[in-house]
Amino acid sequence: MAASLTLPGGQGLRDNAEVAVPGAAIGLLAGLFAMAVGMMAGLAPAVTVTIAAGLGVPLALFGAGYCVLLARGVFGIGAVAPLALYWFVGFPLSRLIDSYAVAAVLGSDTVLDEPLLSFLALQAMLSFGFTIGFLWLHERIAPRWLLRVRDHNAVAADLVERYMEHAAHLNQRRGARGPRRKPSKNNS
């Protein structure tokens, strides 16, 4: 008799891992994008692959963590401020790991060209842009993924229910304000 792995709160590890797929995919996609930019800049293949892994893997782990926290109700659907705080920590750490990985591949004793606090401050500022991009992609990918897996995944089914409630709330708010666009005068 095999015991299934569960997280606190009785949720299955497999269900949470499946819910985490969209966030992990976005993190890996960001790493691949960084690799493509490195290739266009003419960096050595070993460096570009290191950039993809050194940045993509930590971003994927943080992205997966966001999805699990979203499923657990720590984050609200579409909430920017809490996610910005999450990436305020996660993005600079991911960039620092990336910098260490690239320095190791290059055989360099110097990881950063600037002081650590300056590096982290700049990455923290850049994290807000990453937050917006991550949230935009997540809100387009995750609902479709969750709809695919909800029949066999209770965590996904609960999250789909929250997305449906959120959508109903947004539609109700829009209805109270009237139409979003004014009719064009050219439509006569």
C-alpha atoms as a PDB file:
ATOM      1  CA  MET A   1       0.000   0.000   0.000  1.00  0.00           C
ATOM      2  CA  ALA A   2       1.729   3.149  -1.199  1.00  0.00           C
ATOM      3  CA  ALA A   3       1.074   6.361   0.651  1.00  0.00           C
ATOM      4  CA  SER A   4       0.428   9.345  -1.597  1.00  0.00           C
ATOM      5  CA  LEU A   5       2.486  12.438  -0.971  1.00  0.00           C
ATOM      6  CA  THR A   6       0.423  15.304   0.380  1.00  0.00           C
ATOM      7  CA  LEU A   7       1.198  18.863   1.292  1.00  0.00           C
ATOM      8  CA  PRO A   8      -0.108  20.597   4.413  1.00  0.00           C
ATOM      9  CA  GLY A   9      -3.817  21.125   3.948  1.00  0.00           C
ATOM     10  CA  GLY A  10      -4.289  17.675   2.403  1.00  0.00           C
ATOM     11  CA  GLN A  11      -3.477  18.687  -1.175  1.00  0.00           C
ATOM     12  CA  GLY A  12      -1.665  16.126  -3.293  1.00  0.00           C
ATOM     13  CA  LEU A  13       1.884  16.829  -4.394  1.00  0.00           C
ATOM     14  CA  ARG A  14       1.095  15.688  -7.948  1.00  0.00           C
ATOM     15  CA  ASP A  15      -1.927  18.012  -8.140  1.00  0.00           C
ATOM     16  CA  ASN A  16       0.137  20.983  -6.970  1.00  0.00           C
ATOM     17  CA  ALA A  17       2.950  20.128  -9.382  1.00  0.00           C
ATOM     18  CA  GLU A  18       0.459  20.029 -12.231  1.00  0.00           C
ATOM     19  CA  VAL A  19      -0.977  23.406 -11.230  1.00  0.00           C
ATOM     20  CA  ALA A  20       2.587  24.791 -11.152  1.00  0.00           C
ATOM     21  CA  VAL A  21       3.255  23.975 -14.826  1.00  0.00           C
ATOM     22  CA  PRO A  22       2.245  27.376 -16.302  1.00  0.00           C
ATOM     23  CA  GLY A  23       4.490  29.374 -13.940  1.00  0.00           C
ATOM     24  CA  ALA A  24       7.411  27.009 -14.481  1.00  0.00           C
ATOM     25  CA  ALA A  25       6.923  27.201 -18.238  1.00  0.00           C
ATOM     26  CA  ILE A  26       6.993  31.008 -18.173  1.00  0.00           C
ATOM     27  CA  GLY A  27      10.246  30.944 -16.174  1.00  0.00           C
ATOM     28  CA  LEU A  28      11.846  28.529 -18.637  1.00  0.00           C
ATOM     29  CA  LEU A  29      10.593  30.645 -21.530  1.00  0.00           C
ATOM     30  CA  ALA A  30      12.280  33.698 -19.970  1.00  0.00           C
ATOM     31  CA  GLY A  31      15.522  31.735 -19.768  1.00  0.00           C
ATOM     32  CA  LEU A  32      15.239  30.747 -23.427  1.00  0.00           C
ATOM     33  CA  PHE A  33      14.553  34.367 -24.346  1.00  0.00           C
ATOM     34  CA  ALA A  34      17.711  35.429 -22.473  1.00  0.00           C
ATOM     35  CA  MET A  35      19.621  32.724 -24.342  1.00  0.00           C
ATOM     36  CA  ALA A  36      18.338  34.028 -27.696  1.00  0.00           C
ATOM     37  CA  VAL A  37      19.422  37.554 -26.793  1.00  0.00           C
ATOM     38  CA  GLY A  38      22.859  36.213 -25.845  1.00  0.00           C
ATOM     39  CA  MET A  39      23.113  34.370 -29.153  1.00  0.00           C
ATOM     40  CA  MET A  40      22.192  37.533 -31.077  1.00  0.00           C
ATOM     41  CA  ALA A  41      24.883  39.376 -29.111  1.00  0.00           C
ATOM     42  CA  GLY A  42      27.419  36.816 -30.300  1.00  0.00           C
ATOM     43  CA  LEU A  43      28.136  35.148 -26.963  1.00  0.00           C
ATOM     44  CA  ALA A  44      29.742  31.716 -26.939  1.00  0.00           C
ATOM     45  CA  PRO A  45      27.324  28.767 -27.053  1.00  0.00           C
ATOM     46  CA  ALA A  46      28.420  27.548 -23.602  1.00  0.00           C
ATOM     47  CA  VAL A  47      27.618  30.961 -22.136  1.00  0.00           C
ATOM     48  CA  THR A  48      24.214  31.205 -23.807  1.00  0.00           C
ATOM     49  CA  VAL A  49      23.226  27.729 -22.589  1.00  0.00           C
ATOM     50  CA  THR A  50      24.409  28.685 -19.101  1.00  0.00           C
ATOM     51  CA  ILE A  51      22.325  31.844 -19.262  1.00  0.00           C
ATOM     52  CA  ALA A  52      19.264  29.796 -20.268  1.00  0.00           C
ATOM     53  CA  ALA A  53      19.734  27.378 -17.378  1.00  0.00           C
ATOM     54  CA  GLY A  54      21.121  29.829 -14.826  1.00  0.00           C
ATOM     55  CA  LEU A  55      18.231  32.233 -15.286  1.00  0.00           C
ATOM     56  CA  GLY A  56      15.499  29.931 -16.549  1.00  0.00           C
ATOM     57  CA  VAL A  57      15.642  27.344 -13.764  1.00  0.00           C
ATOM     58  CA  PRO A  58      15.370  29.784 -10.827  1.00  0.00           C
ATOM     59  CA  LEU A  59      12.644  31.751 -12.616  1.00  0.00           C
ATOM     60  CA  ALA A  60      10.823  28.470 -13.301  1.00  0.00           C
ATOM     61  CA  LEU A  61      11.031  27.507  -9.630  1.00  0.00           C
ATOM     62  CA  PHE A  62       9.747  30.910  -8.513  1.00  0.00           C
ATOM     63  CA  GLY A  63       7.044  30.776 -11.198  1.00  0.00           C
ATOM     64  CA  ALA A  64       5.955  27.337 -10.030  1.00  0.00           C
ATOM     65  CA  GLY A  65       5.959  28.608  -6.449  1.00  0.00           C
ATOM     66  CA  TYR A  66       3.660  31.451  -7.448  1.00  0.00           C
ATOM     67  CA  CYS A  67       1.189  29.005  -9.001  1.00  0.00           C
ATOM     68  CA  VAL A  68       1.111  26.852  -5.871  1.00  0.00           C
ATOM     69  CA  LEU A  69       0.683  29.917  -3.656  1.00  0.00           C
ATOM     70  CA  LEU A  70      -2.083  31.159  -5.969  1.00  0.00           C
ATOM     71  CA  ALA A  71      -3.839  27.799  -5.668  1.00  0.00           C
ATOM     72  CA  ARG A  72      -3.533  27.967  -1.880  1.00  0.00           C
ATOM     73  CA  GLY A  73      -5.126  31.432  -1.817  1.00  0.00           C
ATOM     74  CA  VAL A  74      -2.009  33.351  -0.759  1.00  0.00           C
ATOM     75  CA  PHE A  75      -2.281  35.485  -3.914  1.00  0.00           C
ATOM     76  CA  GLY A  76      -5.465  36.844  -5.421  1.00  0.00           C
ATOM     77  CA  ILE A  77      -6.147  36.238  -9.101  1.00  0.00           C
ATOM     78  CA  GLY A  78      -4.736  39.104 -11.145  1.00  0.00           C
ATOM     79  CA  ALA A  79      -3.364  40.920  -8.077  1.00  0.00           C
ATOM     80  CA  VAL A  80      -0.291  42.892  -9.129  1.00  0.00           C
ATOM     81  CA  ALA A  81       1.030  44.330  -5.834  1.00  0.00           C
ATOM     82  CA  PRO A  82       1.558  41.032  -3.954  1.00  0.00           C
ATOM     83  CA  LEU A  83       3.089  39.470  -7.058  1.00  0.00           C
ATOM     84  CA  ALA A  84       5.374  42.505  -7.456  1.00  0.00           C
ATOM     85  CA  LEU A  85       6.624  41.943  -3.905  1.00  0.00           C
ATOM     86  CA  TYR A  86       7.146  38.245  -4.678  1.00  0.00           C
ATOM     87  CA  TRP A  87       9.238  39.025  -7.762  1.00  0.00           C
ATOM     88  CA  PHE A  88      10.953  41.904  -5.912  1.00  0.00           C
ATOM     89  CA  VAL A  89      12.759  39.093  -4.090  1.00  0.00           C
ATOM     90  CA  GLY A  90      12.604  36.309  -6.685  1.00  0.00           C
ATOM     91  CA  PHE A  91      13.880  38.160  -9.731  1.00  0.00           C
ATOM     92  CA  PRO A  92      17.073  39.578  -8.157  1.00  0.00           C
ATOM     93  CA  LEU A  93      17.880  36.176  -6.627  1.00  0.00           C
ATOM     94  CA  SER A  94      17.386  34.521 -10.006  1.00  0.00           C
ATOM     95  CA  ARG A  95      19.648  37.083 -11.669  1.00  0.00           C
ATOM     96  CA  LEU A  96      22.282  36.569  -8.968  1.00  0.00           C
ATOM     97  CA  ILE A  97      22.227  32.804  -9.524  1.00  0.00           C
ATOM     98  CA  ASP A  98      22.526  33.444 -13.248  1.00  0.00           C
ATOM     99  CA  SER A  99      25.529  35.724 -12.700  1.00  0.00           C
ATOM    100  CA  TYR A 100      27.264  33.087 -10.568  1.00  0.00           C
ATOM    101  CA  ALA A 101      26.598  30.401 -13.178  1.00  0.00           C
ATOM    102  CA  VAL A 102      27.998  32.520 -16.018  1.00  0.00           C
ATOM    103  CA  ALA A 103      31.069  33.457 -13.949  1.00  0.00           C
ATOM    104  CA  ALA A 104      31.686  29.770 -13.200  1.00  0.00           C
ATOM    105  CA  VAL A 105      31.472  28.821 -16.892  1.00  0.00           C
ATOM    106  CA  LEU A 106      33.793  31.653 -17.863  1.00  0.00           C
ATOM    107  CA  GLY A 107      36.206  30.700 -15.079  1.00  0.00           C
ATOM    108  CA  SER A 108      36.031  34.195 -13.650  1.00  0.00           C
ATOM    109  CA  ASP A 109      36.739  35.018 -10.018  1.00  0.00           C
ATOM    110  CA  THR A 110      34.636  38.169 -10.390  1.00  0.00           C
ATOM    111  CA  VAL A 111      30.903  37.517 -10.454  1.00  0.00           C
ATOM    112  CA  LEU A 112      29.640  41.094 -10.519  1.00  0.00           C
ATOM    113  CA  ASP A 113      31.206  44.209 -11.999  1.00  0.00           C
ATOM    114  CA  GLU A 114      29.375  46.419  -9.483  1.00  0.00           C
ATOM    115  CA  PRO A 115      28.775  46.155  -5.726  1.00  0.00           C
ATOM    116  CA  LEU A 116      26.258  43.498  -4.690  1.00  0.00           C
ATOM    117  CA  LEU A 117      23.760  46.003  -3.261  1.00  0.00           C
ATOM    118  CA  SER A 118      23.820  48.071  -6.463  1.00  0.00           C
ATOM    119  CA  PHE A 119      23.257  44.940  -8.524  1.00  0.00           C
ATOM    120  CA  LEU A 120      20.365  43.784  -6.336  1.00  0.00           C
ATOM    121  CA  ALA A 121      18.806  47.273  -6.327  1.00  0.00           C
ATOM    122  CA  LEU A 122      18.855  47.451 -10.126  1.00  0.00           C
ATOM    123  CA  GLN A 123      17.400  43.941 -10.435  1.00  0.00           C
ATOM    124  CA  ALA A 124      14.698  44.826  -7.891  1.00  0.00           C
ATOM    125  CA  MET A 125      13.729  47.800 -10.056  1.00  0.00           C
ATOM    126  CA  LEU A 126      13.642  45.619 -13.161  1.00  0.00           C
ATOM    127  CA  SER A 127      11.541  43.051 -11.325  1.00  0.00           C
ATOM    128  CA  PHE A 128       8.410  45.164 -11.724  1.00  0.00           C
ATOM    129  CA  GLY A 129       8.610  44.869 -15.506  1.00  0.00           C
ATOM    130  CA  PHE A 130       9.087  41.134 -15.170  1.00  0.00           C
ATOM    131  CA  THR A 131       6.089  41.023 -12.827  1.00  0.00           C
ATOM    132  CA  ILE A 132       3.829  42.640 -15.422  1.00  0.00           C
ATOM    133  CA  GLY A 133       5.033  40.317 -18.178  1.00  0.00           C
ATOM    134  CA  PHE A 134       4.774  37.242 -15.975  1.00  0.00           C
ATOM    135  CA  LEU A 135       1.258  38.103 -14.836  1.00  0.00           C
ATOM    136  CA  TRP A 136       0.126  38.896 -18.372  1.00  0.00           C
ATOM    137  CA  LEU A 137       1.402  35.558 -19.681  1.00  0.00           C
ATOM    138  CA  HIS A 138       0.151  33.639 -16.656  1.00  0.00           C
ATOM    139  CA  GLU A 139      -3.383  34.995 -16.954  1.00  0.00           C
ATOM    140  CA  ARG A 140      -3.477  33.828 -20.581  1.00  0.00           C
ATOM    141  CA  ILE A 141      -1.843  30.413 -20.154  1.00  0.00           C
ATOM    142  CA  ALA A 142      -2.932  29.188 -16.725  1.00  0.00           C
ATOM    143  CA  PRO A 143      -6.738  29.221 -17.134  1.00  0.00           C
ATOM    144  CA  ARG A 144      -6.516  27.160 -20.319  1.00  0.00           C
ATOM    145  CA  TRP A 145      -4.148  24.695 -18.649  1.00  0.00           C
ATOM    146  CA  LEU A 146      -6.306  24.457 -15.544  1.00  0.00           C
ATOM    147  CA  LEU A 147      -9.392  23.734 -17.645  1.00  0.00           C
ATOM    148  CA  ARG A 148      -7.513  20.841 -19.265  1.00  0.00           C
ATOM    149  CA  VAL A 149      -6.479  19.233 -15.981  1.00  0.00           C
ATOM    150  CA  ARG A 150      -9.376  20.053 -13.652  1.00  0.00           C
ATOM    151  CA  ASP A 151     -11.236  16.779 -14.257  1.00  0.00           C
ATOM    152  CA  HIS A 152      -8.514  14.751 -12.523  1.00  0.00           C
ATOM    153  CA  ASN A 153      -6.949  17.490 -10.369  1.00  0.00           C
ATOM    154  CA  ALA A 154      -8.878  18.818  -7.356  1.00  0.00           C
ATOM    155  CA  VAL A 155      -6.461  21.713  -6.820  1.00  0.00           C
ATOM    156  CA  ALA A 156      -6.911  22.837 -10.432  1.00  0.00           C
ATOM    157  CA  ALA A 157     -10.700  22.453 -10.141  1.00  0.00           C
ATOM    158  CA  ASP A 158     -10.739  24.724  -7.078  1.00  0.00           C
ATOM    159  CA  LEU A 159      -8.575  27.288  -8.853  1.00  0.00           C
ATOM    160  CA  VAL A 160     -10.812  27.195 -11.945  1.00  0.00           C
ATOM    161  CA  GLU A 161     -13.751  27.920  -9.645  1.00  0.00           C
ATOM    162  CA  ARG A 162     -11.894  30.959  -8.277  1.00  0.00           C
ATOM    163  CA  TYR A 163     -11.141  32.156 -11.815  1.00  0.00           C
ATOM    164  CA  MET A 164     -14.834  31.805 -12.697  1.00  0.00           C
ATOM    165  CA  GLU A 165     -15.869  33.800  -9.614  1.00  0.00           C
ATOM    166  CA  HIS A 166     -13.282  36.453 -10.464  1.00  0.00           C
ATOM    167  CA  ALA A 167     -14.549  36.695 -14.052  1.00  0.00           C
ATOM    168  CA  ALA A 168     -18.158  36.968 -12.848  1.00  0.00           C
ATOM    169  CA  HIS A 169     -17.143  39.734 -10.449  1.00  0.00           C
ATOM    170  CA  LEU A 170     -15.355  41.636 -13.235  1.00  0.00           C
ATOM    171  CA  ASN A 171     -18.349  41.269 -15.555  1.00  0.00           C
ATOM    172  CA  GLN A 172     -20.652  42.520 -12.807  1.00  0.00           C
ATOM    173  CA  ARG A 173     -18.442  45.585 -12.269  1.00  0.00           C
ATOM    174  CA  ARG A 174     -18.361  46.298 -16.006  1.00  0.00           C
ATOM    175  CA  GLY A 175     -22.124  46.003 -16.200  1.00  0.00           C
ATOM    176  CA  ALA A 176     -22.549  48.595 -13.461  1.00  0.00           C
ATOM    177  CA  ARG A 177     -20.366  51.075 -15.361  1.00  0.00           C
ATOM    178  CA  GLY A 178     -22.019  50.564 -18.736  1.00  0.00           C
ATOM    179  CA  PRO A 179     -20.305  49.780 -22.030  1.00  0.00           C
ATOM    180  CA  ARG A 180     -16.524  50.091 -22.151  1.00  0.00           C
ATOM    181  CA  ARG A 181     -16.448  51.893 -25.489  1.00  0.00           C
ATOM    182  CA  LYS A 182     -18.562  54.694 -26.821  1.00  0.00           C
ATOM    183  CA  PRO A 183     -20.172  54.016 -30.194  1.00  0.00           C
ATOM    184  CA  SER A 184     -18.242  55.502 -33.073  1.00  0.00           C
ATOM    185  CA  LYS A 185     -19.841  58.342 -35.055  1.00  0.00           C
ATOM    186  CA  ASN A 186     -18.654  56.620 -38.240  1.00  0.00           C
ATOM    187  CA  ASN A 187     -21.019  53.665 -37.717  1.00  0.00           C
ATOM    188  CA  SER A 188     -24.073  55.394 -39.216  1.00  0.00           C
END
